[in-house]
């Protein structure tokens, strides 16, 4: 089970849902940072350390591109976390390939 959202995270979520791309710049920045950090952590769980390291330094636009591509992959029936990781590999390496592990390892 996940943790409860912090007040700032909850406010960011409400701003993002209600205002979309017109949300305050600080909210959008924190949202992309959260996406980047979560994606890097999931990549590591799938054994993709080098891709995770590169994801940590990708520009915001590429992080958003990875998430958009990941959603398209997820709509084919792939689990969402797997889909996002596959999209990250595709973005970083330029080609799609299977992840290093078929199952996620424990979180650190």
C-alpha atoms as a PDB file:
ATOM      1  CA  UNK A   1       0.000   0.000   0.000  1.00  0.00           C
ATOM      2  CA  UNK A   2       1.256   3.519  -0.820  1.00  0.00           C
ATOM      3  CA  UNK A   3       1.783   6.432   1.466  1.00  0.00           C
ATOM      4  CA  UNK A   4      -0.628   9.315   2.009  1.00  0.00           C
ATOM      5  CA  UNK A   5      -0.118  12.438  -0.069  1.00  0.00           C
ATOM      6  CA  UNK A   6       1.553  15.379   1.606  1.00  0.00           C
ATOM      7  CA  UNK A   7      -0.486  18.623   1.612  1.00  0.00           C
ATOM      8  CA  UNK A   8       1.666  20.160  -1.161  1.00  0.00           C
ATOM      9  CA  UNK A   9       1.324  17.033  -3.299  1.00  0.00           C
ATOM     10  CA  UNK A  10      -2.439  17.065  -2.853  1.00  0.00           C
ATOM     11  CA  UNK A  11      -2.596  20.753  -3.796  1.00  0.00           C
ATOM     12  CA  UNK A  12      -0.430  20.086  -6.863  1.00  0.00           C
ATOM     13  CA  UNK A  13      -2.708  17.243  -7.904  1.00  0.00           C
ATOM     14  CA  UNK A  14      -5.825  19.411  -7.583  1.00  0.00           C
ATOM     15  CA  UNK A  15      -4.147  22.233  -9.537  1.00  0.00           C
ATOM     16  CA  UNK A  16      -3.050  19.836 -12.268  1.00  0.00           C
ATOM     17  CA  UNK A  17      -6.471  18.197 -12.609  1.00  0.00           C
ATOM     18  CA  UNK A  18      -8.452  21.435 -12.539  1.00  0.00           C
ATOM     19  CA  UNK A  19      -6.115  23.683 -14.527  1.00  0.00           C
ATOM     20  CA  UNK A  20      -4.003  21.321 -16.609  1.00  0.00           C
ATOM     21  CA  UNK A  21      -1.177  23.085 -18.423  1.00  0.00           C
ATOM     22  CA  UNK A  22      -2.409  26.405 -16.992  1.00  0.00           C
ATOM     23  CA  UNK A  23      -1.518  25.310 -13.452  1.00  0.00           C
ATOM     24  CA  UNK A  24       1.107  27.444 -11.709  1.00  0.00           C
ATOM     25  CA  UNK A  25       4.644  26.937 -13.034  1.00  0.00           C
ATOM     26  CA  UNK A  26       5.860  25.668  -9.648  1.00  0.00           C
ATOM     27  CA  UNK A  27       3.139  22.993  -9.668  1.00  0.00           C
ATOM     28  CA  UNK A  28       4.085  21.857 -13.158  1.00  0.00           C
ATOM     29  CA  UNK A  29       7.764  21.764 -12.174  1.00  0.00           C
ATOM     30  CA  UNK A  30       7.084  19.612  -9.094  1.00  0.00           C
ATOM     31  CA  UNK A  31       4.889  17.304 -11.179  1.00  0.00           C
ATOM     32  CA  UNK A  32       7.609  16.667 -13.772  1.00  0.00           C
ATOM     33  CA  UNK A  33      10.175  16.182 -11.000  1.00  0.00           C
ATOM     34  CA  UNK A  34       7.914  13.593  -9.364  1.00  0.00           C
ATOM     35  CA  UNK A  35       7.450  11.810 -12.698  1.00  0.00           C
ATOM     36  CA  UNK A  36      11.217  11.776 -13.273  1.00  0.00           C
ATOM     37  CA  UNK A  37      12.020  10.460  -9.780  1.00  0.00           C
ATOM     38  CA  UNK A  38       9.316   7.781  -9.873  1.00  0.00           C
ATOM     39  CA  UNK A  39      10.357   6.634 -13.329  1.00  0.00           C
ATOM     40  CA  UNK A  40      14.027   6.358 -12.343  1.00  0.00           C
ATOM     41  CA  UNK A  41      13.085   4.339  -9.246  1.00  0.00           C
ATOM     42  CA  UNK A  42      10.916   1.942 -11.275  1.00  0.00           C
ATOM     43  CA  UNK A  43      13.624   1.511 -13.906  1.00  0.00           C
ATOM     44  CA  UNK A  44      16.054   0.493 -11.183  1.00  0.00           C
ATOM     45  CA  UNK A  45      13.548  -2.081  -9.921  1.00  0.00           C
ATOM     46  CA  UNK A  46      13.513  -3.574 -13.428  1.00  0.00           C
ATOM     47  CA  UNK A  47      17.333  -3.708 -13.494  1.00  0.00           C
ATOM     48  CA  UNK A  48      17.743  -0.723 -15.809  1.00  0.00           C
ATOM     49  CA  UNK A  49      20.337   1.271 -13.829  1.00  0.00           C
ATOM     50  CA  UNK A  50      21.977   2.975 -16.825  1.00  0.00           C
ATOM     51  CA  UNK A  51      18.629   4.071 -18.288  1.00  0.00           C
ATOM     52  CA  UNK A  52      17.515   5.299 -14.856  1.00  0.00           C
ATOM     53  CA  UNK A  53      20.657   7.420 -14.536  1.00  0.00           C
ATOM     54  CA  UNK A  54      20.028   8.994 -17.924  1.00  0.00           C
ATOM     55  CA  UNK A  55      16.348   9.618 -17.134  1.00  0.00           C
ATOM     56  CA  UNK A  56      17.393  11.657 -14.099  1.00  0.00           C
ATOM     57  CA  UNK A  57      19.024  14.217 -16.397  1.00  0.00           C
ATOM     58  CA  UNK A  58      16.481  14.284 -19.241  1.00  0.00           C
ATOM     59  CA  UNK A  59      14.851  17.645 -20.001  1.00  0.00           C
ATOM     60  CA  UNK A  60      11.267  18.097 -18.836  1.00  0.00           C
ATOM     61  CA  UNK A  61       9.920  17.811 -22.391  1.00  0.00           C
ATOM     62  CA  UNK A  62      11.482  14.363 -22.788  1.00  0.00           C
ATOM     63  CA  UNK A  63      10.051  13.189 -19.457  1.00  0.00           C
ATOM     64  CA  UNK A  64       6.620  14.262 -20.655  1.00  0.00           C
ATOM     65  CA  UNK A  65       7.246  12.491 -23.958  1.00  0.00           C
ATOM     66  CA  UNK A  66       8.192   9.291 -22.119  1.00  0.00           C
ATOM     67  CA  UNK A  67       4.971   9.448 -20.105  1.00  0.00           C
ATOM     68  CA  UNK A  68       2.866  10.068 -23.217  1.00  0.00           C
ATOM     69  CA  UNK A  69       4.499   7.125 -25.006  1.00  0.00           C
ATOM     70  CA  UNK A  70       4.130   4.988 -21.887  1.00  0.00           C
ATOM     71  CA  UNK A  71       0.386   5.659 -21.813  1.00  0.00           C
ATOM     72  CA  UNK A  72       0.111   4.533 -25.451  1.00  0.00           C
ATOM     73  CA  UNK A  73       1.962   1.320 -24.613  1.00  0.00           C
ATOM     74  CA  UNK A  74      -0.242   0.797 -21.539  1.00  0.00           C
ATOM     75  CA  UNK A  75      -3.368   1.022 -23.681  1.00  0.00           C
ATOM     76  CA  UNK A  76      -2.190  -2.125 -25.487  1.00  0.00           C
ATOM     77  CA  UNK A  77      -2.668  -4.068 -22.236  1.00  0.00           C
ATOM     78  CA  UNK A  78       0.802  -3.710 -20.718  1.00  0.00           C
ATOM     79  CA  UNK A  79       0.928  -2.863 -17.017  1.00  0.00           C
ATOM     80  CA  UNK A  80       1.398   0.869 -16.613  1.00  0.00           C
ATOM     81  CA  UNK A  81       4.707   0.785 -14.720  1.00  0.00           C
ATOM     82  CA  UNK A  82       6.145  -1.650 -17.240  1.00  0.00           C
ATOM     83  CA  UNK A  83       4.850   0.506 -20.095  1.00  0.00           C
ATOM     84  CA  UNK A  84       6.484   3.637 -18.681  1.00  0.00           C
ATOM     85  CA  UNK A  85       9.789   1.814 -18.281  1.00  0.00           C
ATOM     86  CA  UNK A  86       9.610   0.445 -21.817  1.00  0.00           C
ATOM     87  CA  UNK A  87       8.946   3.963 -23.096  1.00  0.00           C
ATOM     88  CA  UNK A  88      11.947   5.281 -21.156  1.00  0.00           C
ATOM     89  CA  UNK A  89      14.223   2.634 -22.665  1.00  0.00           C
ATOM     90  CA  UNK A  90      12.901   3.564 -26.103  1.00  0.00           C
ATOM     91  CA  UNK A  91      13.506   7.286 -25.489  1.00  0.00           C
ATOM     92  CA  UNK A  92      16.997   6.888 -24.041  1.00  0.00           C
ATOM     93  CA  UNK A  93      18.341   4.151 -26.315  1.00  0.00           C
ATOM     94  CA  UNK A  94      16.407   4.968 -29.473  1.00  0.00           C
ATOM     95  CA  UNK A  95      15.092   1.414 -29.881  1.00  0.00           C
ATOM     96  CA  UNK A  96      12.518  -0.663 -28.066  1.00  0.00           C
ATOM     97  CA  UNK A  97      13.670  -3.797 -26.280  1.00  0.00           C
ATOM     98  CA  UNK A  98      12.559  -5.931 -23.348  1.00  0.00           C
ATOM     99  CA  UNK A  99      13.477  -4.739 -19.875  1.00  0.00           C
ATOM    100  CA  UNK A 100      16.440  -6.365 -18.102  1.00  0.00           C
ATOM    101  CA  UNK A 101      14.049  -8.083 -15.662  1.00  0.00           C
ATOM    102  CA  UNK A 102      10.573  -9.387 -16.387  1.00  0.00           C
ATOM    103  CA  UNK A 103       9.494  -8.654 -12.817  1.00  0.00           C
ATOM    104  CA  UNK A 104      10.259  -5.702 -10.606  1.00  0.00           C
ATOM    105  CA  UNK A 105      12.708  -6.195  -7.798  1.00  0.00           C
ATOM    106  CA  UNK A 106      12.126  -4.804  -4.303  1.00  0.00           C
ATOM    107  CA  UNK A 107      12.094  -1.056  -3.833  1.00  0.00           C
ATOM    108  CA  UNK A 108      15.043   0.436  -2.033  1.00  0.00           C
END
